[in-house]
Protein backbone atom coordinates (compact mmCIF):
# COMPACT_ATOMS: atom_id res chain seq x y z
CA MET A 1 95.97 90.64 59.30
CA VAL A 2 92.79 92.73 60.67
CA ALA A 3 92.09 92.58 64.46
CA GLY A 4 89.47 94.39 66.56
CA LEU A 5 88.53 94.84 69.76
CA PHE A 6 84.31 95.05 70.07
CA SER A 7 82.25 95.73 72.99
CA ALA A 8 79.64 92.58 73.67
CA ARG A 9 77.26 95.52 72.69
CA ASP A 10 78.61 95.87 69.36
CA LYS A 11 76.36 93.29 67.15
CA ARG A 12 78.53 94.80 63.66
CA TYR A 13 81.94 94.12 64.63
CA GLN A 14 81.78 91.62 61.49
CA GLU A 15 80.80 93.99 59.39
CA ARG A 16 83.47 96.46 60.60
CA LEU A 17 86.43 94.18 60.21
CA ASP A 18 84.91 93.58 56.56
CA GLU A 19 85.06 97.13 56.17
CA LEU A 20 88.19 97.33 57.37
CA ALA A 21 90.03 94.26 55.39
CA THR A 22 88.49 95.89 52.09
CA LEU A 23 90.02 99.14 52.96
CA ALA A 24 93.04 97.19 53.43
CA GLU A 25 92.63 94.81 50.01
CA SER A 26 91.68 98.53 48.11
CA ARG A 27 95.40 99.61 49.20
CA GLY A 28 97.02 96.77 47.96
CA SER A 29 97.17 94.40 50.78
CA ARG A 30 96.32 91.13 51.55
CA VAL A 31 94.07 90.01 54.09
CA VAL A 32 95.16 86.76 55.63
CA GLY A 33 93.76 86.43 58.82
CA ARG A 34 91.18 87.66 61.25
CA PHE A 35 91.23 88.49 64.90
CA VAL A 36 88.34 89.30 67.39
CA GLN A 37 88.36 89.79 71.12
CA ARG A 38 84.95 90.51 72.41
CA ARG A 39 84.52 92.75 75.51
CA GLY A 40 81.34 91.42 77.29
CA ALA A 41 79.72 91.63 80.73
CA SER A 42 81.62 89.30 83.35
CA ASP A 43 79.71 87.60 85.43
CA ARG A 44 78.29 88.62 89.28
CA TRP A 45 80.16 85.82 90.82
CA ASN A 46 83.56 87.20 89.70
CA GLU A 47 86.21 88.55 92.40
CA ARG A 48 86.49 91.65 89.69
CA PRO A 49 83.30 92.23 87.83
CA GLY A 50 83.44 94.11 84.62
CA GLY A 51 80.01 95.22 83.92
CA ALA A 52 78.16 97.32 81.31
CA SER A 53 80.49 100.14 82.47
CA ARG A 54 83.36 98.63 81.51
CA MET A 55 82.60 96.87 77.88
CA SER A 56 83.95 99.57 75.73
CA GLU A 57 87.72 99.90 78.22
CA PRO A 58 90.58 98.03 76.66
CA PHE A 59 91.42 94.68 78.61
CA SER A 60 94.83 96.14 78.80
CA ARG A 61 96.25 100.13 78.23
CA ARG A 62 99.82 98.29 77.29
CA THR A 63 98.25 96.21 74.36
CA LEU A 64 94.56 97.06 73.77
CA MET A 65 93.57 92.74 74.31
CA THR A 66 94.16 90.58 76.41
CA HIS A 67 97.45 88.58 76.74
CA GLY A 68 95.94 85.25 75.24
CA LYS A 69 94.65 87.47 72.33
CA ILE A 70 97.47 89.11 71.48
CA ARG A 71 100.05 85.36 71.91
CA GLU A 72 97.59 84.21 69.21
CA ILE A 73 97.98 87.16 66.86
CA ALA A 74 101.76 87.06 67.54
CA GLU A 75 101.78 83.51 66.34
CA THR A 76 99.75 83.85 62.85
CA CYS A 77 101.92 86.88 62.39
CA ARG A 78 104.94 84.82 62.20
CA THR A 79 103.54 82.00 60.85
CA ALA A 80 101.96 83.54 57.81
CA ASP A 81 105.37 86.59 57.67
CA VAL A 82 102.72 89.54 57.91
CA ALA A 83 103.99 92.59 56.86
CA ALA A 84 101.10 95.27 59.39
CA ALA A 85 98.60 93.91 61.66
CA ILE A 86 95.89 96.64 60.77
CA PHE A 87 93.51 97.15 63.90
CA VAL A 88 90.04 98.69 63.82
CA ASN A 89 90.61 100.30 67.29
CA PRO A 90 92.88 103.45 67.31
CA LEU A 91 96.02 102.83 69.50
CA THR A 92 98.24 105.42 71.71
CA PRO A 93 101.77 105.73 70.58
CA THR A 94 101.98 102.85 73.42
CA GLN A 95 99.82 100.65 72.85
CA ARG A 96 101.93 100.98 68.65
CA THR A 97 105.39 100.47 70.65
CA VAL A 98 104.40 97.37 72.54
CA LEU A 99 102.23 95.95 70.04
CA THR A 100 104.51 96.31 66.94
CA ARG A 101 107.31 95.01 69.36
CA LEU A 102 105.49 91.92 70.66
CA LEU A 103 104.03 91.12 66.96
CA GLY A 104 106.91 91.38 65.22
CA CYS A 105 105.35 93.47 62.44
CA GLN A 106 104.36 97.00 61.59
CA VAL A 107 100.60 98.02 63.30
CA LEU A 108 98.37 100.18 62.07
CA THR A 109 95.16 101.63 62.37
CA ALA A 110 91.79 101.70 59.97
CA ASP A 111 92.34 105.50 60.51
CA ASP A 112 96.17 105.06 58.59
CA LEU A 113 94.10 103.84 56.12
CA LYS A 114 91.95 106.38 55.18
CA PRO A 115 92.60 109.23 52.37
CA ALA A 116 94.11 112.41 53.83
């Protein structure tokens, strides 16, 4: 499983996911799903507009993505018996711990797959 949070300004997000999937497959993994969370400028009538200044920030400091997206990923991880979820984005130790518990599988980042 590969996943990433991308700013609406990032036009290469599919390419970045492809690169991560290729890297995982070169390490013997089989990618069974892809998840993308886009963070765009919210509308100006929203109570707490995000605007361009927040487009690169995570939705959640604990999970990186929205709770709904994490639920989707967790459901797919359970039904596909996924061994690891690999995120394009760097994760904090707390995010790794929380995501491992919520997704029910090992959580890695692209940096974990790159040769030392």
